[in-house]
N, C-alpha and C. Protein backbone atom coordinates (compact mmCIF):
# COMPACT_ATOMS: atom_id res chain seq x y z
N MET A 1 -3.58 -20.36 15.79
CA MET A 1 -3.26 -19.56 14.61
C MET A 1 -2.63 -20.44 13.55
N LEU A 2 -2.79 -20.07 12.33
CA LEU A 2 -2.26 -20.81 11.20
C LEU A 2 -0.75 -20.65 11.13
N ARG A 3 -0.02 -21.75 11.13
CA ARG A 3 1.44 -21.72 11.02
C ARG A 3 1.88 -22.73 9.98
N PRO A 4 2.72 -22.32 9.04
CA PRO A 4 3.20 -23.30 8.06
C PRO A 4 4.18 -24.27 8.71
N HIS A 5 4.06 -25.53 8.39
CA HIS A 5 4.99 -26.53 8.89
C HIS A 5 5.96 -26.88 7.78
N LEU A 6 7.17 -27.24 8.15
CA LEU A 6 8.18 -27.55 7.15
C LEU A 6 7.75 -28.70 6.24
N ASN A 7 6.99 -29.64 6.79
CA ASN A 7 6.58 -30.78 5.97
C ASN A 7 5.26 -30.55 5.25
N ALA A 8 4.55 -29.48 5.56
CA ALA A 8 3.28 -29.19 4.88
C ALA A 8 3.55 -28.43 3.59
N SER A 9 2.96 -28.88 2.51
CA SER A 9 3.17 -28.19 1.24
C SER A 9 2.30 -26.94 1.18
N ALA A 10 2.82 -25.94 0.52
CA ALA A 10 2.11 -24.66 0.40
C ALA A 10 0.90 -24.83 -0.51
N ASP A 11 -0.10 -24.01 -0.29
CA ASP A 11 -1.28 -24.02 -1.15
C ASP A 11 -0.92 -23.54 -2.55
N ALA A 12 -0.05 -22.55 -2.63
CA ALA A 12 0.38 -22.00 -3.93
C ALA A 12 1.74 -21.35 -3.76
N GLN A 13 2.40 -21.13 -4.89
CA GLN A 13 3.74 -20.52 -4.88
C GLN A 13 3.89 -19.66 -6.13
N MET A 14 4.57 -18.51 -5.97
CA MET A 14 4.88 -17.62 -7.10
C MET A 14 6.35 -17.26 -7.03
N CYS A 15 7.00 -17.20 -8.18
CA CYS A 15 8.40 -16.78 -8.27
C CYS A 15 8.48 -15.55 -9.16
N SER A 16 9.27 -14.58 -8.73
CA SER A 16 9.51 -13.38 -9.53
C SER A 16 11.01 -13.19 -9.63
N ALA A 17 11.50 -13.05 -10.85
CA ALA A 17 12.93 -12.83 -11.06
C ALA A 17 13.18 -11.37 -11.35
N TYR A 18 14.12 -10.80 -10.63
CA TYR A 18 14.56 -9.44 -10.86
C TYR A 18 16.02 -9.51 -11.25
N GLY A 19 16.65 -8.41 -11.56
CA GLY A 19 18.03 -8.43 -12.03
C GLY A 19 19.01 -9.02 -11.05
N ASP A 20 18.87 -8.71 -9.78
CA ASP A 20 19.86 -9.15 -8.79
C ASP A 20 19.31 -10.09 -7.74
N ARG A 21 18.04 -10.54 -7.90
CA ARG A 21 17.45 -11.43 -6.91
C ARG A 21 16.27 -12.19 -7.50
N ILE A 22 15.92 -13.25 -6.80
CA ILE A 22 14.71 -14.00 -7.10
C ILE A 22 13.86 -13.98 -5.84
N GLU A 23 12.59 -13.66 -5.99
CA GLU A 23 11.67 -13.66 -4.85
C GLU A 23 10.69 -14.80 -5.01
N VAL A 24 10.59 -15.62 -3.98
CA VAL A 24 9.66 -16.74 -3.96
C VAL A 24 8.64 -16.47 -2.87
N ARG A 25 7.37 -16.55 -3.21
CA ARG A 25 6.30 -16.37 -2.24
C ARG A 25 5.47 -17.64 -2.18
N ARG A 26 5.30 -18.15 -0.97
CA ARG A 26 4.49 -19.33 -0.73
C ARG A 26 3.36 -18.93 0.21
N ILE A 27 2.19 -19.53 0.01
CA ILE A 27 1.05 -19.17 0.86
C ILE A 27 0.36 -20.42 1.40
N TRP A 28 -0.04 -20.31 2.66
CA TRP A 28 -0.88 -21.30 3.32
C TRP A 28 -2.13 -20.55 3.75
N ALA A 29 -3.30 -21.07 3.39
CA ALA A 29 -4.56 -20.40 3.74
C ALA A 29 -5.51 -21.37 4.42
N GLN A 30 -6.38 -20.81 5.24
CA GLN A 30 -7.37 -21.62 5.94
C GLN A 30 -8.64 -20.81 6.06
N GLU A 31 -9.76 -21.49 5.83
CA GLU A 31 -11.04 -20.80 5.98
C GLU A 31 -11.27 -20.45 7.45
N ALA A 32 -11.95 -19.35 7.68
CA ALA A 32 -12.26 -18.89 9.04
C ALA A 32 -13.64 -18.24 9.03
N THR A 33 -14.19 -18.07 10.19
CA THR A 33 -15.45 -17.35 10.31
C THR A 33 -15.21 -16.06 11.09
N ALA A 34 -16.09 -15.13 10.87
CA ALA A 34 -15.95 -13.84 11.56
C ALA A 34 -16.03 -14.04 13.08
N ALA A 35 -16.87 -14.94 13.51
CA ALA A 35 -17.03 -15.18 14.95
C ALA A 35 -15.79 -15.84 15.55
N SER A 36 -15.13 -16.71 14.78
CA SER A 36 -13.99 -17.45 15.34
C SER A 36 -12.77 -16.56 15.57
N ILE A 37 -12.61 -15.50 14.77
CA ILE A 37 -11.45 -14.63 14.98
C ILE A 37 -11.83 -13.22 15.42
N GLY A 38 -13.11 -12.95 15.51
CA GLY A 38 -13.56 -11.68 16.06
C GLY A 38 -13.49 -10.50 15.10
N LEU A 39 -13.45 -10.74 13.82
CA LEU A 39 -13.45 -9.65 12.84
C LEU A 39 -14.61 -9.84 11.87
N TYR A 40 -15.39 -8.79 11.69
CA TYR A 40 -16.55 -8.84 10.82
C TYR A 40 -16.13 -9.16 9.39
N ALA A 41 -16.82 -10.04 8.75
CA ALA A 41 -16.66 -10.42 7.34
C ALA A 41 -15.38 -11.20 7.04
N ALA A 42 -14.65 -11.64 8.05
CA ALA A 42 -13.44 -12.44 7.80
C ALA A 42 -13.85 -13.79 7.23
N ALA A 43 -13.18 -14.20 6.16
CA ALA A 43 -13.49 -15.48 5.53
C ALA A 43 -12.28 -16.42 5.49
N GLN A 44 -11.07 -15.85 5.49
CA GLN A 44 -9.86 -16.66 5.43
C GLN A 44 -8.75 -16.00 6.23
N VAL A 45 -7.88 -16.82 6.76
CA VAL A 45 -6.62 -16.34 7.33
C VAL A 45 -5.51 -16.98 6.50
N TYR A 46 -4.40 -16.28 6.37
CA TYR A 46 -3.32 -16.85 5.55
C TYR A 46 -1.96 -16.41 6.06
N VAL A 47 -0.96 -17.16 5.63
CA VAL A 47 0.44 -16.86 5.93
C VAL A 47 1.17 -16.85 4.60
N VAL A 48 1.93 -15.78 4.35
CA VAL A 48 2.76 -15.70 3.15
C VAL A 48 4.22 -15.73 3.59
N GLU A 49 4.95 -16.68 3.05
CA GLU A 49 6.39 -16.75 3.29
C GLU A 49 7.08 -16.14 2.09
N ARG A 50 7.90 -15.13 2.34
CA ARG A 50 8.62 -14.45 1.26
C ARG A 50 10.10 -14.76 1.43
N GLU A 51 10.68 -15.37 0.41
CA GLU A 51 12.09 -15.73 0.44
C GLU A 51 12.81 -14.98 -0.68
N VAL A 52 13.89 -14.31 -0.33
CA VAL A 52 14.71 -13.60 -1.30
C VAL A 52 16.00 -14.39 -1.50
N ILE A 53 16.24 -14.77 -2.75
CA ILE A 53 17.46 -15.49 -3.11
C ILE A 53 18.36 -14.52 -3.86
N ALA A 54 19.54 -14.26 -3.29
CA ALA A 54 20.45 -13.26 -3.86
C ALA A 54 21.18 -13.82 -5.07
N LEU A 55 21.27 -13.00 -6.11
CA LEU A 55 22.06 -13.35 -7.29
C LEU A 55 23.31 -12.48 -7.41
N SER A 56 23.43 -11.50 -6.52
CA SER A 56 24.62 -10.65 -6.49
C SER A 56 24.98 -10.38 -5.04
N PRO A 57 26.23 -10.03 -4.77
CA PRO A 57 26.64 -9.79 -3.38
C PRO A 57 26.02 -8.56 -2.75
N SER A 58 25.42 -7.66 -3.53
CA SER A 58 24.81 -6.45 -2.98
C SER A 58 23.43 -6.70 -2.38
N VAL A 59 22.88 -7.89 -2.58
CA VAL A 59 21.54 -8.22 -2.09
C VAL A 59 21.66 -9.19 -0.92
N ALA A 60 20.94 -8.91 0.14
CA ALA A 60 20.92 -9.80 1.30
C ALA A 60 19.81 -10.84 1.14
N GLU A 61 20.15 -12.08 1.41
CA GLU A 61 19.12 -13.12 1.39
C GLU A 61 18.27 -13.00 2.64
N SER A 62 16.98 -13.30 2.50
CA SER A 62 16.09 -13.20 3.66
C SER A 62 14.92 -14.15 3.49
N LYS A 63 14.27 -14.40 4.60
CA LYS A 63 13.06 -15.23 4.62
C LYS A 63 12.18 -14.69 5.74
N ASP A 64 10.97 -14.27 5.42
CA ASP A 64 10.09 -13.74 6.45
C ASP A 64 8.66 -14.21 6.23
N LEU A 65 7.84 -14.08 7.28
CA LEU A 65 6.44 -14.48 7.23
C LEU A 65 5.55 -13.25 7.41
N CYS A 66 4.49 -13.19 6.64
CA CYS A 66 3.48 -12.14 6.77
C CYS A 66 2.13 -12.82 6.98
N TYR A 67 1.39 -12.35 7.96
CA TYR A 67 0.09 -12.92 8.28
C TYR A 67 -1.00 -11.98 7.77
N GLY A 68 -2.11 -12.56 7.33
CA GLY A 68 -3.19 -11.72 6.82
C GLY A 68 -4.55 -12.34 7.02
N ILE A 69 -5.57 -11.51 6.88
CA ILE A 69 -6.96 -11.92 6.97
C ILE A 69 -7.66 -11.36 5.74
N SER A 70 -8.49 -12.17 5.11
CA SER A 70 -9.19 -11.74 3.91
C SER A 70 -10.69 -11.93 4.09
N SER A 71 -11.46 -11.04 3.48
CA SER A 71 -12.91 -11.18 3.51
C SER A 71 -13.43 -11.90 2.26
N VAL A 72 -12.51 -12.27 1.37
CA VAL A 72 -12.89 -12.97 0.14
C VAL A 72 -13.15 -14.44 0.47
N PRO A 73 -14.32 -14.96 0.10
CA PRO A 73 -14.60 -16.38 0.38
C PRO A 73 -13.60 -17.28 -0.36
N ALA A 74 -13.25 -18.39 0.27
CA ALA A 74 -12.26 -19.31 -0.30
C ALA A 74 -12.83 -20.01 -1.53
N LEU A 75 -11.98 -20.18 -2.54
CA LEU A 75 -12.35 -20.97 -3.71
C LEU A 75 -12.25 -22.44 -3.36
N SER A 76 -12.95 -23.28 -4.09
CA SER A 76 -12.97 -24.70 -3.76
C SER A 76 -11.61 -25.37 -4.00
N GLU A 77 -10.89 -24.94 -5.01
CA GLU A 77 -9.58 -25.53 -5.29
C GLU A 77 -8.51 -24.76 -4.51
N ARG A 78 -7.69 -25.48 -3.75
CA ARG A 78 -6.70 -24.85 -2.87
C ARG A 78 -5.68 -24.02 -3.63
N GLU A 79 -5.16 -24.57 -4.74
CA GLU A 79 -4.12 -23.84 -5.48
C GLU A 79 -4.67 -22.56 -6.11
N ALA A 80 -5.86 -22.64 -6.70
CA ALA A 80 -6.47 -21.44 -7.29
C ALA A 80 -6.75 -20.39 -6.22
N ASN A 81 -7.22 -20.84 -5.06
CA ASN A 81 -7.47 -19.92 -3.95
C ASN A 81 -6.16 -19.26 -3.51
N GLY A 82 -5.10 -20.06 -3.38
CA GLY A 82 -3.81 -19.53 -2.97
C GLY A 82 -3.26 -18.52 -3.97
N LEU A 83 -3.40 -18.80 -5.26
CA LEU A 83 -2.92 -17.87 -6.28
C LEU A 83 -3.68 -16.56 -6.25
N GLU A 84 -4.99 -16.62 -6.04
CA GLU A 84 -5.79 -15.39 -5.94
C GLU A 84 -5.37 -14.56 -4.72
N LEU A 85 -5.13 -15.22 -3.60
CA LEU A 85 -4.68 -14.50 -2.41
C LEU A 85 -3.30 -13.88 -2.62
N LEU A 86 -2.40 -14.60 -3.29
CA LEU A 86 -1.07 -14.06 -3.57
C LEU A 86 -1.14 -12.84 -4.49
N LYS A 87 -2.01 -12.90 -5.49
CA LYS A 87 -2.18 -11.73 -6.38
C LYS A 87 -2.71 -10.53 -5.60
N ALA A 88 -3.67 -10.77 -4.73
CA ALA A 88 -4.22 -9.67 -3.91
C ALA A 88 -3.15 -9.14 -2.95
N PHE A 89 -2.34 -10.02 -2.40
CA PHE A 89 -1.27 -9.64 -1.49
C PHE A 89 -0.27 -8.73 -2.19
N ARG A 90 0.13 -9.09 -3.41
CA ARG A 90 1.06 -8.27 -4.18
C ARG A 90 0.41 -6.95 -4.61
N GLY A 91 -0.85 -7.00 -5.00
CA GLY A 91 -1.56 -5.80 -5.43
C GLY A 91 -1.69 -4.77 -4.32
N HIS A 92 -1.86 -5.23 -3.08
CA HIS A 92 -1.96 -4.31 -1.95
C HIS A 92 -0.71 -3.45 -1.85
N TRP A 93 0.46 -4.05 -2.01
CA TRP A 93 1.70 -3.29 -1.87
C TRP A 93 1.91 -2.35 -3.03
N ALA A 94 1.39 -2.67 -4.21
CA ALA A 94 1.50 -1.75 -5.34
C ALA A 94 0.70 -0.48 -5.06
N VAL A 95 -0.50 -0.64 -4.53
CA VAL A 95 -1.33 0.52 -4.20
C VAL A 95 -0.69 1.31 -3.07
N GLU A 96 -0.19 0.61 -2.05
CA GLU A 96 0.42 1.28 -0.90
C GLU A 96 1.63 2.11 -1.31
N SER A 97 2.48 1.54 -2.15
CA SER A 97 3.69 2.28 -2.53
C SER A 97 3.36 3.49 -3.41
N LYS A 98 2.36 3.37 -4.27
CA LYS A 98 1.96 4.50 -5.11
C LYS A 98 1.39 5.63 -4.24
N ASN A 99 0.54 5.28 -3.30
CA ASN A 99 -0.07 6.27 -2.42
C ASN A 99 0.99 6.91 -1.53
N HIS A 100 1.88 6.10 -0.96
CA HIS A 100 2.91 6.63 -0.08
C HIS A 100 3.83 7.58 -0.84
N TYR A 101 4.19 7.24 -2.06
CA TYR A 101 5.08 8.10 -2.84
C TYR A 101 4.46 9.48 -3.03
N ARG A 102 3.19 9.51 -3.41
CA ARG A 102 2.55 10.81 -3.65
C ARG A 102 2.44 11.62 -2.36
N ARG A 103 2.10 10.97 -1.27
CA ARG A 103 1.94 11.70 -0.01
C ARG A 103 3.27 12.14 0.57
N ASP A 104 4.30 11.33 0.42
CA ASP A 104 5.57 11.68 1.02
C ASP A 104 6.41 12.59 0.14
N VAL A 105 6.52 12.27 -1.15
CA VAL A 105 7.38 13.07 -2.02
C VAL A 105 6.74 14.42 -2.33
N THR A 106 5.48 14.43 -2.68
CA THR A 106 4.84 15.69 -3.06
C THR A 106 4.54 16.56 -1.84
N TYR A 107 4.05 15.96 -0.76
CA TYR A 107 3.64 16.74 0.40
C TYR A 107 4.57 16.58 1.60
N GLY A 108 5.63 15.81 1.50
CA GLY A 108 6.61 15.67 2.58
C GLY A 108 6.02 15.18 3.88
N GLU A 109 5.12 14.20 3.81
CA GLU A 109 4.39 13.77 5.00
C GLU A 109 5.28 13.14 6.07
N ASP A 110 6.34 12.46 5.68
CA ASP A 110 7.21 11.83 6.68
C ASP A 110 8.00 12.86 7.49
N ARG A 111 8.13 14.07 6.99
CA ARG A 111 8.85 15.13 7.70
C ARG A 111 7.89 16.08 8.42
N SER A 112 6.67 15.66 8.61
CA SER A 112 5.65 16.53 9.19
C SER A 112 6.01 16.94 10.62
N PRO A 113 5.97 18.25 10.90
CA PRO A 113 6.26 18.72 12.26
C PRO A 113 5.04 18.71 13.17
N VAL A 114 3.90 18.28 12.68
CA VAL A 114 2.66 18.31 13.45
C VAL A 114 2.73 17.27 14.58
N LYS A 115 2.49 17.70 15.80
CA LYS A 115 2.57 16.82 16.97
C LYS A 115 1.21 16.30 17.41
N ASN A 116 0.16 17.05 17.12
CA ASN A 116 -1.18 16.68 17.53
C ASN A 116 -1.72 15.60 16.59
N HIS A 117 -2.15 14.46 17.15
CA HIS A 117 -2.61 13.34 16.33
C HIS A 117 -3.85 13.69 15.51
N ASN A 118 -4.78 14.42 16.11
CA ASN A 118 -5.99 14.79 15.37
C ASN A 118 -5.66 15.73 14.23
N ALA A 119 -4.76 16.68 14.45
CA ALA A 119 -4.36 17.60 13.38
C ALA A 119 -3.67 16.84 12.26
N ALA A 120 -2.85 15.85 12.61
CA ALA A 120 -2.17 15.05 11.59
C ALA A 120 -3.19 14.27 10.75
N ARG A 121 -4.23 13.76 11.38
CA ARG A 121 -5.27 13.04 10.64
C ARG A 121 -6.02 13.98 9.69
N VAL A 122 -6.31 15.18 10.17
CA VAL A 122 -7.01 16.16 9.33
C VAL A 122 -6.14 16.53 8.13
N LEU A 123 -4.85 16.79 8.36
CA LEU A 123 -3.95 17.12 7.26
C LEU A 123 -3.84 15.96 6.27
N ALA A 124 -3.76 14.72 6.77
CA ALA A 124 -3.70 13.56 5.88
C ALA A 124 -4.97 13.46 5.04
N SER A 125 -6.12 13.75 5.63
CA SER A 125 -7.38 13.73 4.88
C SER A 125 -7.39 14.80 3.80
N MET A 126 -6.87 15.98 4.12
CA MET A 126 -6.83 17.07 3.13
C MET A 126 -5.88 16.72 1.98
N LYS A 127 -4.76 16.09 2.30
CA LYS A 127 -3.83 15.67 1.24
C LYS A 127 -4.48 14.63 0.34
N MET A 128 -5.19 13.69 0.95
CA MET A 128 -5.87 12.67 0.14
C MET A 128 -6.97 13.30 -0.72
N MET A 129 -7.62 14.34 -0.20
CA MET A 129 -8.62 15.05 -0.99
C MET A 129 -7.96 15.74 -2.18
N ALA A 130 -6.80 16.34 -1.98
CA ALA A 130 -6.09 16.98 -3.08
C ALA A 130 -5.68 15.95 -4.12
N ILE A 131 -5.21 14.78 -3.68
CA ILE A 131 -4.84 13.71 -4.62
C ILE A 131 -6.07 13.24 -5.39
N PHE A 132 -7.20 13.09 -4.69
CA PHE A 132 -8.45 12.70 -5.35
C PHE A 132 -8.88 13.74 -6.38
N LEU A 133 -8.85 15.02 -6.01
CA LEU A 133 -9.25 16.08 -6.96
C LEU A 133 -8.35 16.08 -8.18
N CYS A 134 -7.07 15.81 -7.98
CA CYS A 134 -6.14 15.74 -9.11
C CYS A 134 -6.50 14.57 -10.01
N GLU A 135 -6.79 13.39 -9.41
CA GLU A 135 -7.08 12.20 -10.21
C GLU A 135 -8.36 12.34 -11.02
N ILE A 136 -9.36 13.04 -10.48
CA ILE A 136 -10.60 13.19 -11.24
C ILE A 136 -10.54 14.35 -12.22
N GLY A 137 -9.41 15.07 -12.22
CA GLY A 137 -9.23 16.16 -13.17
C GLY A 137 -9.99 17.41 -12.81
N ALA A 138 -10.10 17.74 -11.54
CA ALA A 138 -10.84 18.93 -11.10
C ALA A 138 -10.23 20.21 -11.65
N HIS A 139 -8.96 20.19 -11.99
CA HIS A 139 -8.29 21.39 -12.51
C HIS A 139 -8.36 21.45 -14.04
N LYS A 140 -9.09 20.52 -14.65
CA LYS A 140 -9.33 20.46 -16.10
C LYS A 140 -8.02 20.49 -16.90
N PRO A 141 -7.19 19.43 -16.74
CA PRO A 141 -5.92 19.39 -17.47
C PRO A 141 -6.16 19.26 -18.98
N CYS A 142 -5.32 19.91 -19.77
CA CYS A 142 -5.50 19.86 -21.22
C CYS A 142 -4.64 18.77 -21.88
N CYS A 143 -3.67 18.23 -21.15
CA CYS A 143 -2.83 17.17 -21.73
C CYS A 143 -2.41 16.21 -20.61
N ALA A 144 -1.76 15.12 -20.99
CA ALA A 144 -1.36 14.10 -20.01
C ALA A 144 -0.36 14.64 -19.00
N ARG A 145 0.51 15.54 -19.41
CA ARG A 145 1.51 16.10 -18.50
C ARG A 145 0.85 16.87 -17.37
N GLU A 146 -0.24 17.54 -17.63
CA GLU A 146 -0.91 18.35 -16.62
C GLU A 146 -1.78 17.53 -15.67
N GLN A 147 -1.83 16.22 -15.85
CA GLN A 147 -2.62 15.38 -14.95
C GLN A 147 -1.84 14.96 -13.71
N SER A 148 -0.60 15.39 -13.56
CA SER A 148 0.21 15.00 -12.41
C SER A 148 -0.12 15.86 -11.19
N LEU A 149 0.23 15.34 -10.02
CA LEU A 149 -0.04 16.07 -8.79
C LEU A 149 0.74 17.38 -8.69
N PRO A 150 2.03 17.44 -9.07
CA PRO A 150 2.71 18.74 -9.05
C PRO A 150 2.06 19.78 -9.97
N GLU A 151 1.57 19.34 -11.13
CA GLU A 151 0.86 20.27 -12.03
C GLU A 151 -0.45 20.74 -11.41
N PHE A 152 -1.13 19.85 -10.69
CA PHE A 152 -2.36 20.24 -9.99
C PHE A 152 -2.03 21.32 -8.95
N ASN A 153 -0.95 21.10 -8.18
CA ASN A 153 -0.53 22.10 -7.18
C ASN A 153 -0.18 23.43 -7.84
N ARG A 154 0.51 23.37 -8.96
CA ARG A 154 0.89 24.59 -9.69
C ARG A 154 -0.36 25.33 -10.16
N HIS A 155 -1.33 24.58 -10.68
CA HIS A 155 -2.59 25.18 -11.14
C HIS A 155 -3.29 25.90 -9.99
N CYS A 156 -3.33 25.24 -8.82
CA CYS A 156 -3.97 25.86 -7.65
C CYS A 156 -3.24 27.12 -7.23
N ALA A 157 -1.90 27.09 -7.29
CA ALA A 157 -1.12 28.27 -6.90
C ALA A 157 -1.35 29.43 -7.85
N ILE A 158 -1.41 29.15 -9.14
CA ILE A 158 -1.63 30.20 -10.13
C ILE A 158 -3.01 30.82 -9.98
N ASN A 159 -3.98 30.01 -9.60
CA ASN A 159 -5.36 30.49 -9.50
C ASN A 159 -5.75 30.92 -8.09
N GLY A 160 -4.77 31.25 -7.25
CA GLY A 160 -5.07 31.84 -5.96
C GLY A 160 -5.35 30.88 -4.83
N ILE A 161 -5.03 29.62 -4.99
CA ILE A 161 -5.27 28.66 -3.93
C ILE A 161 -3.94 28.28 -3.29
N ASP A 162 -2.93 29.10 -3.44
CA ASP A 162 -1.59 28.76 -2.96
C ASP A 162 -1.50 28.68 -1.44
N ARG A 163 -2.36 29.38 -0.71
CA ARG A 163 -2.30 29.32 0.74
C ARG A 163 -2.60 27.90 1.23
N VAL A 164 -3.59 27.25 0.64
CA VAL A 164 -3.93 25.88 1.02
C VAL A 164 -2.80 24.93 0.63
N ILE A 165 -2.25 25.09 -0.56
CA ILE A 165 -1.16 24.21 -1.00
C ILE A 165 0.06 24.41 -0.11
N ASN A 166 0.39 25.63 0.24
CA ASN A 166 1.51 25.87 1.15
C ASN A 166 1.23 25.26 2.53
N TRP A 167 -0.03 25.28 2.93
CA TRP A 167 -0.40 24.66 4.19
C TRP A 167 -0.15 23.17 4.13
N PHE A 168 -0.52 22.54 2.97
CA PHE A 168 -0.25 21.11 2.78
C PHE A 168 1.24 20.82 2.88
N LYS A 169 2.04 21.71 2.34
CA LYS A 169 3.50 21.49 2.32
C LYS A 169 4.16 21.97 3.61
N ARG A 170 3.39 22.53 4.54
CA ARG A 170 3.85 22.99 5.84
C ARG A 170 4.78 24.19 5.77
N LYS A 171 4.69 25.02 4.74
CA LYS A 171 5.49 26.23 4.71
C LYS A 171 4.92 27.26 5.70
N HIS A 172 3.59 27.34 5.76
CA HIS A 172 2.93 28.27 6.66
C HIS A 172 1.82 27.53 7.41
N ASN A 173 2.15 26.38 7.98
CA ASN A 173 1.17 25.55 8.64
C ASN A 173 0.90 26.06 10.05
N PRO A 174 -0.31 26.54 10.33
CA PRO A 174 -0.61 27.06 11.66
C PRO A 174 -0.65 25.97 12.73
N LEU A 175 -0.75 24.69 12.33
CA LEU A 175 -0.80 23.62 13.30
C LEU A 175 0.59 23.08 13.66
N ALA A 176 1.62 23.51 12.93
CA ALA A 176 2.98 23.02 13.21
C ALA A 176 3.47 23.57 14.54
N ARG A 177 4.21 22.74 15.25
CA ARG A 177 4.74 23.18 16.55
C ARG A 177 6.22 23.07 16.55
């Protein structure tokens, strides 16, 4: 497996400054084949080292490693390849946090009382369908404010679809135990 060595220089590095900390991300990448690691379409494996440098006493300093596999073919220049992988690595977490916020805050998914794994998967699919319908404007919003997920839920409740929305929120969930 790919492991960064203290004396090996990183393929690329990014620094981000925030108010109370500096985050440094370094990446080491290596080309791979799908057959060599057993995953279809794998083209690269990489390690990202994330270091947090505290600028205030309220922030804890840390250093951790994240391992990943990408299906994107490696660029010929190591630094350009590393920068592209770092951008994709950061972009993944932006999408994840946006999706998690909508599913957890709007539908309270982390507090789900559902014990059956298959039922939980079905409910998660239905929530994602509601988020998708909201994003494509299925409720025909007339202004930017009405394009939000809570406004979509309100529209459904006003138009007689409140039983499904309450089911999403687990107020009257028949699968809850």
